[in-house]
Amino acid sequence: MEDGVARCLGSCRPDCDFSFLFSLYLVLNVFCAPQVPSPRSCQPNGANSEALKYEIEELKQKDLALDQEIAQLLSEGYSLEELEKHISLLHEYNDIKDAGQMLLGKLAVIRGVTTKQLYPEYDLELSD
């Protein structure tokens, strides 16, 4: 999979490597993902205030670490628009790959073989 994503994104910025883009994807998804309350924050009134204070402190530390990582990426010359473009391309790549896997799975069922057995026929590597 890594090689496929790197090939897919290589046209956007040749000096980017996949591990960087993936870590960036994870960082930005923290800010874009819908926020789901943690089980601890759904406790009834009178919940242990120490536990809530600890959770707040953990979140502040995570926020600070993410702010530092974003600042580092921006200082390395990446713009927010460029980062969003890479994330969009990663989503598109994953959607295309999922569709391909679904088709391979259906074809494998029709032929009565495993998906793994179809990979050589279509010049695919198991790591793809």
N, C-alpha and C. Protein backbone atom coordinates (compact mmCIF):
# COMPACT_ATOMS: atom_id res chain seq x y z
N MET A 1 0.82 -1.18 0.00
CA MET A 1 0.00 0.00 0.00
C MET A 1 0.86 1.25 0.00
N GLU A 2 1.90 1.28 0.79
CA GLU A 2 2.76 2.46 0.88
C GLU A 2 3.27 2.88 -0.48
N ASP A 3 3.75 1.90 -1.28
CA ASP A 3 4.29 2.24 -2.59
C ASP A 3 3.22 2.84 -3.49
N GLY A 4 2.00 2.29 -3.43
CA GLY A 4 0.92 2.81 -4.25
C GLY A 4 0.57 4.23 -3.90
N VAL A 5 0.51 4.54 -2.62
CA VAL A 5 0.21 5.90 -2.20
C VAL A 5 1.33 6.84 -2.61
N ALA A 6 2.56 6.40 -2.44
CA ALA A 6 3.70 7.23 -2.82
C ALA A 6 3.65 7.53 -4.32
N ARG A 7 3.32 6.52 -5.13
CA ARG A 7 3.21 6.75 -6.57
C ARG A 7 2.08 7.73 -6.86
N CYS A 8 0.97 7.54 -6.16
CA CYS A 8 -0.21 8.39 -6.37
C CYS A 8 0.11 9.84 -6.03
N LEU A 9 0.85 10.07 -4.97
CA LEU A 9 1.11 11.41 -4.51
C LEU A 9 2.39 12.00 -5.07
N GLY A 10 3.19 11.19 -5.72
CA GLY A 10 4.48 11.65 -6.22
C GLY A 10 4.38 12.81 -7.16
N SER A 11 3.27 12.90 -7.89
CA SER A 11 3.14 13.98 -8.85
C SER A 11 2.89 15.32 -8.18
N CYS A 12 2.44 15.29 -6.92
CA CYS A 12 2.14 16.55 -6.23
C CYS A 12 3.41 17.21 -5.70
N ARG A 13 4.24 16.42 -5.08
CA ARG A 13 5.48 16.97 -4.53
C ARG A 13 6.48 15.81 -4.46
N PRO A 14 7.38 15.72 -5.42
CA PRO A 14 8.28 14.57 -5.51
C PRO A 14 9.16 14.36 -4.28
N ASP A 15 9.45 15.41 -3.50
CA ASP A 15 10.33 15.22 -2.36
C ASP A 15 9.59 14.75 -1.11
N CYS A 16 8.27 14.55 -1.20
CA CYS A 16 7.50 14.04 -0.06
C CYS A 16 7.66 12.53 0.03
N ASP A 17 7.74 12.02 1.24
CA ASP A 17 7.72 10.58 1.39
C ASP A 17 6.41 10.20 2.07
N PHE A 18 5.98 8.96 1.87
CA PHE A 18 4.69 8.51 2.35
C PHE A 18 4.59 8.59 3.86
N SER A 19 5.63 8.23 4.60
CA SER A 19 5.53 8.23 6.05
C SER A 19 5.21 9.63 6.57
N PHE A 20 5.80 10.64 5.95
CA PHE A 20 5.51 12.01 6.34
C PHE A 20 4.05 12.33 6.05
N LEU A 21 3.58 12.00 4.85
CA LEU A 21 2.21 12.30 4.49
C LEU A 21 1.22 11.58 5.38
N PHE A 22 1.53 10.33 5.72
CA PHE A 22 0.62 9.58 6.57
C PHE A 22 0.56 10.18 7.96
N SER A 23 1.71 10.58 8.51
CA SER A 23 1.68 11.20 9.84
C SER A 23 0.93 12.53 9.78
N LEU A 24 1.09 13.24 8.70
CA LEU A 24 0.36 14.49 8.51
C LEU A 24 -1.14 14.21 8.42
N TYR A 25 -1.49 13.19 7.69
CA TYR A 25 -2.88 12.78 7.57
C TYR A 25 -3.48 12.50 8.94
N LEU A 26 -2.74 11.79 9.78
CA LEU A 26 -3.22 11.47 11.12
C LEU A 26 -3.37 12.74 11.96
N VAL A 27 -2.39 13.64 11.86
CA VAL A 27 -2.45 14.89 12.64
C VAL A 27 -3.67 15.69 12.24
N LEU A 28 -3.88 15.90 10.96
CA LEU A 28 -4.98 16.73 10.52
C LEU A 28 -6.33 16.06 10.73
N ASN A 29 -6.37 14.73 10.71
CA ASN A 29 -7.63 14.05 10.97
C ASN A 29 -8.10 14.25 12.40
N VAL A 30 -7.17 14.49 13.31
CA VAL A 30 -7.56 14.76 14.68
C VAL A 30 -8.43 16.02 14.72
N PHE A 31 -8.10 17.00 13.88
CA PHE A 31 -8.85 18.25 13.88
C PHE A 31 -10.11 18.18 13.03
N CYS A 32 -10.12 17.28 12.05
CA CYS A 32 -11.25 17.20 11.13
C CYS A 32 -12.27 16.14 11.53
N ALA A 33 -11.87 15.16 12.32
CA ALA A 33 -12.76 14.06 12.68
C ALA A 33 -13.84 14.56 13.63
N PRO A 34 -15.04 13.97 13.50
CA PRO A 34 -16.09 14.36 14.45
C PRO A 34 -15.68 14.00 15.87
N GLN A 35 -15.99 14.89 16.78
CA GLN A 35 -15.61 14.68 18.17
C GLN A 35 -16.67 13.85 18.87
N VAL A 36 -16.29 12.72 19.40
CA VAL A 36 -17.17 11.83 20.13
C VAL A 36 -16.79 11.92 21.59
N PRO A 37 -17.75 12.18 22.47
CA PRO A 37 -17.40 12.28 23.88
C PRO A 37 -16.85 10.96 24.40
N SER A 38 -15.84 11.08 25.25
CA SER A 38 -15.27 9.87 25.83
C SER A 38 -16.21 9.33 26.88
N PRO A 39 -16.13 8.02 27.19
CA PRO A 39 -17.00 7.45 28.21
C PRO A 39 -16.85 8.17 29.55
N ARG A 40 -15.63 8.64 29.86
CA ARG A 40 -15.42 9.32 31.13
C ARG A 40 -16.18 10.63 31.20
N SER A 41 -16.30 11.33 30.05
CA SER A 41 -16.99 12.61 30.08
C SER A 41 -18.50 12.46 30.06
N CYS A 42 -19.01 11.25 29.88
CA CYS A 42 -20.45 10.99 29.87
C CYS A 42 -20.94 10.50 31.23
N GLN A 43 -20.10 10.57 32.23
CA GLN A 43 -20.49 10.12 33.55
C GLN A 43 -21.54 11.06 34.12
N PRO A 44 -22.41 10.55 35.01
CA PRO A 44 -23.45 11.40 35.59
C PRO A 44 -22.83 12.50 36.45
N ASN A 45 -23.65 13.52 36.76
CA ASN A 45 -23.19 14.62 37.63
C ASN A 45 -22.61 14.05 38.92
N GLY A 46 -21.62 14.73 39.45
CA GLY A 46 -20.98 14.25 40.67
C GLY A 46 -19.86 13.26 40.38
N ALA A 47 -19.48 13.13 39.09
CA ALA A 47 -18.40 12.21 38.74
C ALA A 47 -17.12 12.70 39.37
N ASN A 48 -16.19 11.83 39.46
CA ASN A 48 -14.91 12.12 40.09
C ASN A 48 -14.24 13.30 39.39
N SER A 49 -14.16 14.42 40.08
CA SER A 49 -13.58 15.62 39.47
C SER A 49 -12.10 15.46 39.20
N GLU A 50 -11.42 14.65 39.97
CA GLU A 50 -9.99 14.42 39.72
C GLU A 50 -9.78 13.72 38.38
N ALA A 51 -10.64 12.75 38.08
CA ALA A 51 -10.53 12.04 36.80
C ALA A 51 -10.78 13.00 35.64
N LEU A 52 -11.75 13.90 35.81
CA LEU A 52 -12.03 14.87 34.75
C LEU A 52 -10.87 15.85 34.59
N LYS A 53 -10.29 16.29 35.70
CA LYS A 53 -9.13 17.20 35.62
C LYS A 53 -7.97 16.51 34.91
N TYR A 54 -7.77 15.24 35.20
CA TYR A 54 -6.70 14.48 34.56
C TYR A 54 -6.96 14.37 33.06
N GLU A 55 -8.20 14.10 32.68
CA GLU A 55 -8.54 13.99 31.26
C GLU A 55 -8.32 15.33 30.55
N ILE A 56 -8.69 16.42 31.20
CA ILE A 56 -8.48 17.75 30.62
C ILE A 56 -6.99 18.01 30.42
N GLU A 57 -6.17 17.64 31.39
CA GLU A 57 -4.72 17.84 31.28
C GLU A 57 -4.14 17.00 30.13
N GLU A 58 -4.63 15.76 30.00
CA GLU A 58 -4.18 14.91 28.89
C GLU A 58 -4.51 15.55 27.55
N LEU A 59 -5.71 16.08 27.42
CA LEU A 59 -6.13 16.72 26.18
C LEU A 59 -5.32 17.98 25.89
N LYS A 60 -5.00 18.74 26.91
CA LYS A 60 -4.17 19.93 26.72
C LYS A 60 -2.78 19.53 26.22
N GLN A 61 -2.21 18.46 26.77
CA GLN A 61 -0.90 17.99 26.33
C GLN A 61 -0.95 17.53 24.88
N LYS A 62 -2.00 16.80 24.51
CA LYS A 62 -2.16 16.34 23.13
C LYS A 62 -2.31 17.52 22.19
N ASP A 63 -3.08 18.54 22.60
CA ASP A 63 -3.27 19.74 21.79
C ASP A 63 -1.94 20.46 21.58
N LEU A 64 -1.14 20.58 22.63
CA LEU A 64 0.15 21.23 22.53
C LEU A 64 1.08 20.47 21.58
N ALA A 65 1.10 19.15 21.69
CA ALA A 65 1.95 18.33 20.82
C ALA A 65 1.53 18.48 19.36
N LEU A 66 0.24 18.50 19.10
CA LEU A 66 -0.24 18.67 17.73
C LEU A 66 0.09 20.06 17.19
N ASP A 67 -0.06 21.08 18.03
CA ASP A 67 0.30 22.44 17.61
C ASP A 67 1.78 22.52 17.23
N GLN A 68 2.63 21.85 18.01
CA GLN A 68 4.07 21.85 17.72
C GLN A 68 4.36 21.12 16.41
N GLU A 69 3.68 20.00 16.17
CA GLU A 69 3.90 19.26 14.93
C GLU A 69 3.44 20.06 13.72
N ILE A 70 2.31 20.73 13.85
CA ILE A 70 1.82 21.56 12.74
C ILE A 70 2.78 22.72 12.49
N ALA A 71 3.28 23.35 13.55
CA ALA A 71 4.24 24.45 13.39
C ALA A 71 5.50 23.96 12.68
N GLN A 72 5.95 22.76 13.02
CA GLN A 72 7.14 22.21 12.38
C GLN A 72 6.88 22.00 10.88
N LEU A 73 5.73 21.45 10.54
CA LEU A 73 5.40 21.22 9.13
C LEU A 73 5.33 22.53 8.37
N LEU A 74 4.73 23.53 8.98
CA LEU A 74 4.65 24.84 8.31
C LEU A 74 6.02 25.46 8.16
N SER A 75 6.90 25.27 9.16
CA SER A 75 8.25 25.83 9.07
C SER A 75 9.08 25.12 8.00
N GLU A 76 8.70 23.88 7.65
CA GLU A 76 9.40 23.15 6.61
C GLU A 76 8.90 23.52 5.21
N GLY A 77 7.98 24.47 5.17
CA GLY A 77 7.54 24.97 3.87
C GLY A 77 6.23 24.40 3.36
N TYR A 78 5.55 23.61 4.14
CA TYR A 78 4.28 23.06 3.70
C TYR A 78 3.17 24.05 4.01
N SER A 79 2.29 24.26 3.05
CA SER A 79 1.16 25.15 3.28
C SER A 79 -0.06 24.32 3.65
N LEU A 80 -1.00 24.95 4.30
CA LEU A 80 -2.22 24.26 4.71
C LEU A 80 -2.96 23.73 3.49
N GLU A 81 -2.98 24.50 2.41
CA GLU A 81 -3.66 24.07 1.18
C GLU A 81 -3.01 22.82 0.62
N GLU A 82 -1.67 22.79 0.64
CA GLU A 82 -0.94 21.63 0.12
C GLU A 82 -1.23 20.40 0.98
N LEU A 83 -1.26 20.59 2.29
CA LEU A 83 -1.52 19.47 3.18
C LEU A 83 -2.93 18.93 2.97
N GLU A 84 -3.89 19.84 2.80
CA GLU A 84 -5.26 19.41 2.55
C GLU A 84 -5.36 18.66 1.22
N LYS A 85 -4.59 19.09 0.22
CA LYS A 85 -4.59 18.40 -1.08
C LYS A 85 -4.06 16.98 -0.92
N HIS A 86 -2.99 16.82 -0.14
CA HIS A 86 -2.44 15.48 0.08
C HIS A 86 -3.45 14.59 0.80
N ILE A 87 -4.14 15.12 1.76
CA ILE A 87 -5.15 14.34 2.48
C ILE A 87 -6.27 13.94 1.53
N SER A 88 -6.69 14.87 0.69
CA SER A 88 -7.73 14.57 -0.28
C SER A 88 -7.28 13.45 -1.22
N LEU A 89 -6.03 13.51 -1.66
CA LEU A 89 -5.49 12.46 -2.54
C LEU A 89 -5.41 11.12 -1.82
N LEU A 90 -5.06 11.13 -0.55
CA LEU A 90 -5.03 9.88 0.22
C LEU A 90 -6.43 9.28 0.32
N HIS A 91 -7.43 10.10 0.56
CA HIS A 91 -8.81 9.61 0.61
C HIS A 91 -9.22 9.02 -0.73
N GLU A 92 -8.90 9.72 -1.81
CA GLU A 92 -9.25 9.24 -3.14
C GLU A 92 -8.55 7.91 -3.43
N TYR A 93 -7.26 7.83 -3.11
CA TYR A 93 -6.51 6.59 -3.31
C TYR A 93 -7.15 5.45 -2.53
N ASN A 94 -7.51 5.68 -1.28
CA ASN A 94 -8.12 4.63 -0.46
C ASN A 94 -9.47 4.20 -1.02
N ASP A 95 -10.26 5.13 -1.51
CA ASP A 95 -11.55 4.78 -2.11
C ASP A 95 -11.36 3.91 -3.34
N ILE A 96 -10.39 4.26 -4.19
CA ILE A 96 -10.11 3.49 -5.39
C ILE A 96 -9.60 2.10 -5.02
N LYS A 97 -8.71 2.04 -4.05
CA LYS A 97 -8.17 0.76 -3.62
C LYS A 97 -9.28 -0.12 -3.04
N ASP A 98 -10.17 0.47 -2.24
CA ASP A 98 -11.29 -0.30 -1.67
C ASP A 98 -12.17 -0.88 -2.77
N ALA A 99 -12.45 -0.08 -3.80
CA ALA A 99 -13.27 -0.56 -4.91
C ALA A 99 -12.57 -1.71 -5.63
N GLY A 100 -11.26 -1.58 -5.84
CA GLY A 100 -10.50 -2.66 -6.47
C GLY A 100 -10.50 -3.93 -5.64
N GLN A 101 -10.36 -3.79 -4.33
CA GLN A 101 -10.39 -4.96 -3.45
C GLN A 101 -11.76 -5.63 -3.48
N MET A 102 -12.80 -4.81 -3.54
CA MET A 102 -14.16 -5.37 -3.60
C MET A 102 -14.35 -6.17 -4.89
N LEU A 103 -13.88 -5.61 -6.00
CA LEU A 103 -13.99 -6.31 -7.28
C LEU A 103 -13.19 -7.61 -7.28
N LEU A 104 -11.98 -7.54 -6.74
CA LEU A 104 -11.17 -8.76 -6.65
C LEU A 104 -11.87 -9.82 -5.79
N GLY A 105 -12.48 -9.38 -4.70
CA GLY A 105 -13.19 -10.31 -3.83
C GLY A 105 -14.35 -10.97 -4.54
N LYS A 106 -15.13 -10.20 -5.29
CA LYS A 106 -16.26 -10.76 -6.03
C LYS A 106 -15.79 -11.73 -7.11
N LEU A 107 -14.72 -11.35 -7.80
CA LEU A 107 -14.17 -12.23 -8.83
C LEU A 107 -13.65 -13.53 -8.21
N ALA A 108 -13.03 -13.44 -7.06
CA ALA A 108 -12.52 -14.63 -6.37
C ALA A 108 -13.68 -15.56 -6.00
N VAL A 109 -14.79 -15.00 -5.54
CA VAL A 109 -15.96 -15.82 -5.19
C VAL A 109 -16.50 -16.51 -6.43
N ILE A 110 -16.61 -15.78 -7.52
CA ILE A 110 -17.13 -16.35 -8.77
C ILE A 110 -16.25 -17.50 -9.24
N ARG A 111 -14.94 -17.32 -9.16
CA ARG A 111 -14.00 -18.36 -9.61
C ARG A 111 -13.76 -19.44 -8.57
N GLY A 112 -14.18 -19.21 -7.35
CA GLY A 112 -13.98 -20.20 -6.29
C GLY A 112 -12.54 -20.28 -5.82
N VAL A 113 -11.85 -19.13 -5.82
CA VAL A 113 -10.46 -19.08 -5.36
C VAL A 113 -10.36 -17.98 -4.31
N THR A 114 -9.18 -17.86 -3.72
CA THR A 114 -8.96 -16.77 -2.77
C THR A 114 -8.51 -15.52 -3.52
N THR A 115 -8.70 -14.39 -2.90
CA THR A 115 -8.24 -13.13 -3.48
C THR A 115 -6.74 -13.18 -3.70
N LYS A 116 -6.04 -13.76 -2.74
CA LYS A 116 -4.58 -13.87 -2.82
C LYS A 116 -4.14 -14.59 -4.09
N GLN A 117 -4.92 -15.58 -4.51
CA GLN A 117 -4.57 -16.33 -5.72
C GLN A 117 -4.74 -15.50 -6.99
N LEU A 118 -5.53 -14.44 -6.94
CA LEU A 118 -5.73 -13.59 -8.11
C LEU A 118 -4.62 -12.55 -8.30
N TYR A 119 -3.89 -12.25 -7.24
CA TYR A 119 -2.87 -11.19 -7.32
C TYR A 119 -1.86 -11.41 -8.45
N PRO A 120 -1.27 -12.60 -8.58
CA PRO A 120 -0.28 -12.77 -9.67
C PRO A 120 -0.90 -12.58 -11.06
N GLU A 121 -2.14 -12.98 -11.23
CA GLU A 121 -2.79 -12.87 -12.52
C GLU A 121 -2.92 -11.41 -12.98
N TYR A 122 -3.02 -10.50 -12.02
CA TYR A 122 -3.17 -9.08 -12.34
C TYR A 122 -1.92 -8.27 -12.00
N ASP A 123 -0.81 -8.96 -11.86
CA ASP A 123 0.49 -8.32 -11.54
C ASP A 123 0.41 -7.44 -10.29
N LEU A 124 -0.26 -7.93 -9.27
CA LEU A 124 -0.36 -7.23 -8.00
C LEU A 124 0.55 -7.89 -6.98
N GLU A 125 1.07 -7.08 -6.09
CA GLU A 125 1.87 -7.61 -4.99
C GLU A 125 1.01 -7.68 -3.76
N LEU A 126 1.28 -8.64 -2.89
CA LEU A 126 0.47 -8.76 -1.68
C LEU A 126 0.56 -7.54 -0.80
N SER A 127 1.65 -6.77 -0.93
CA SER A 127 1.80 -5.56 -0.12
C SER A 127 0.98 -4.39 -0.67
N ASP A 128 0.41 -4.54 -1.87
CA ASP A 128 -0.40 -3.45 -2.46
C ASP A 128 -1.72 -3.32 -1.74
